[in-house]
Structure formats: C-alpha cells, structure tokens
Amino acid sequence: MSIYLCSSPTKARAGVEMAVIDAVANSIRIPLWRLFGGASNSVTTDITIPIVTPNEAAQLAAKYRGQGFQTLKLKVGKNLNSDIEVLKAIRLVHPDCSFILDANEGYTANQAIEVLDRLNEMGVTPVLFEQPVHRDDWEGLRDVSIAAMEKYRVAVAADESCRGLLDAQKIIHGNLAHVINIKLAKLGVLGALEVIDAARKAGIALMIGGMVETRIAMGFAGHLAAGLGCFSFIDLDTPLLLSEDPVYGGYEASGPVYKFKNARGHGGFLHLDNNNGWN
C-alpha cells in the first residue's frame, strides 16, 4: 500500500511498516484511526508558506485565509531581516492567524532569540518555534528554549534534532525543547510510537509532520494522529502543496480539516492510467 522512492533505510522501513499495519487494519475490518486508539476521526492541519518574497507570502496568506486556515507555518532562517518583512506582509492580510516558525536549523541561538525579540516589538507571538538551530547544537537548542519560554511563553520544537529514541531521551532528560516533532519517514512507524510513548510519559508535547509526501504517507500520519489524540500541533499539509497527487482516498479534506471516513484500513489508493502513469 505504501510506496516510497527512498534514500534511507528509515524511509524504506516506514513504508513497509505502513503497509503491514494497513494490512492488519484491513484484515480486522477497522480503519487505521481506530486501530491507533480511536480518539477521533479527524485532524486540523496548518499550512506552510515557503521562503518567498513578502508580496508572494501575502498572496499565499490571503489565499489560505479564504480556505479557512488559521495556523500558518512560515519557513524562516535564510535571512533574518527578510524573515521579518515577510511576517509583516502576512500580518497585513491575515491579522488573526497563528504563526509557527520553522527555521530548519537556519539560525544561531542568538539570531533565533533576536527574531523573537523583534516579533515581540511587532506584537507577534508565535505558537511554536521549530528547530531554530543546527540539529547537533544541543546547547543552542536549550538556550533558545529557555529564553523563548521565559521571555515570551513560546514553545520550541525539536525536529531534525530528534532522529530516534536516543535523541528523544536526550531532549527529555536535558529539558532541551518543549515539543518533539514526529515524522514517520524519519523515525519509522514503530520508532515513532516509541518516541511518542517516551514523550507522553515525560509530559513533553508532540507535533506530527512529514516530508514532501502524498496522501498515502500523510494520510497514514493523519490516521495515527487522530487515533492517538495526543498531538498539540498538526503539520500534514504537503499533499495540498503538490501540483499533482497520484493518490486518491484516505481522507476527505475540507480546508484545513481532514476527516477519515473510510470503513477499514488507510483507504487511499494509487491512481494509475492504462499506460502505468498517473491519471
């Protein structure tokens, strides 16, 4: 059921695990979200604005506002001053939105704290600051987490810094971040469940995200998030950003809301034409 053009063993393992778990759910005739606990059959995702000009960002923000998205995830970290200008432009067209900042390791600790200082001067408080520093800059991650929470009550998420259970335990025991971002392609399904369990026992909040993936992987992650019901942040938007998705089914999308109404398993299928290409 799950197909990956994979560049790492973890991605391959994730694909195999998804297929096996989907087969189990189909065999006992229940949807995946019920297999994962049945807390809910829907999730509400944010949507990403990439690194673009302020004008392009404003156009995207206005479009997403019209579609009902209230949380915008903004890619930052290339240029601090440009990032601030983009934020200003977005606020003009979507003043009520919530921001997640995702630096993808792009800042130093001092730069990350400066971003929060300048946003505070604008009256903007992000709901989350994702991976502000390099994945191996553990001291910087801790320093940003402390400053962000103490000064502005902003939570900091570890994404690239959490590559498995050992990293998660280091983050938990060192109080290095407030949130751990779960990505199935990064951790595998079983590995993700281990990290989720450790974080929940430690009282660490959870985010679920993904790579650039189709409705197969995103749908599986959505089923997992809905079924477990333990994620504070949902970032499963990449199928909405693809020019063409070779998958249909798996969930119904209405703006930011994904509803899982399939009778059993994942519910998604590859859509092939007679020439073995995508329809």
Foldseek 3Di string as FASTA:
>chain_A
DFDDPDDDPLLVLQRVVQVVLLVVFVVVFAELLVVLAAQFQKDFAAEEDEPDALVVLLVVLLVLVVLPHQEYEYEDQPDLVRSVSNVVSSCVRRVRHAYEYEDVQRDFLVSLLVSQVVCVVVVHQHQEYENPHDLPPQVSLQSNQVSSCVPPNHFYEYESVPQFDVSLVCCLVVVSTQEYEDECSRQHPVRSVNSVVVCVVSVRAYEYEYDLDACSRLLSSRSNCRNNVRHPHYHSCNNVVDPDGQKDFQFDDRSRMTGGDDRTGRGMDGAADPVRDGD
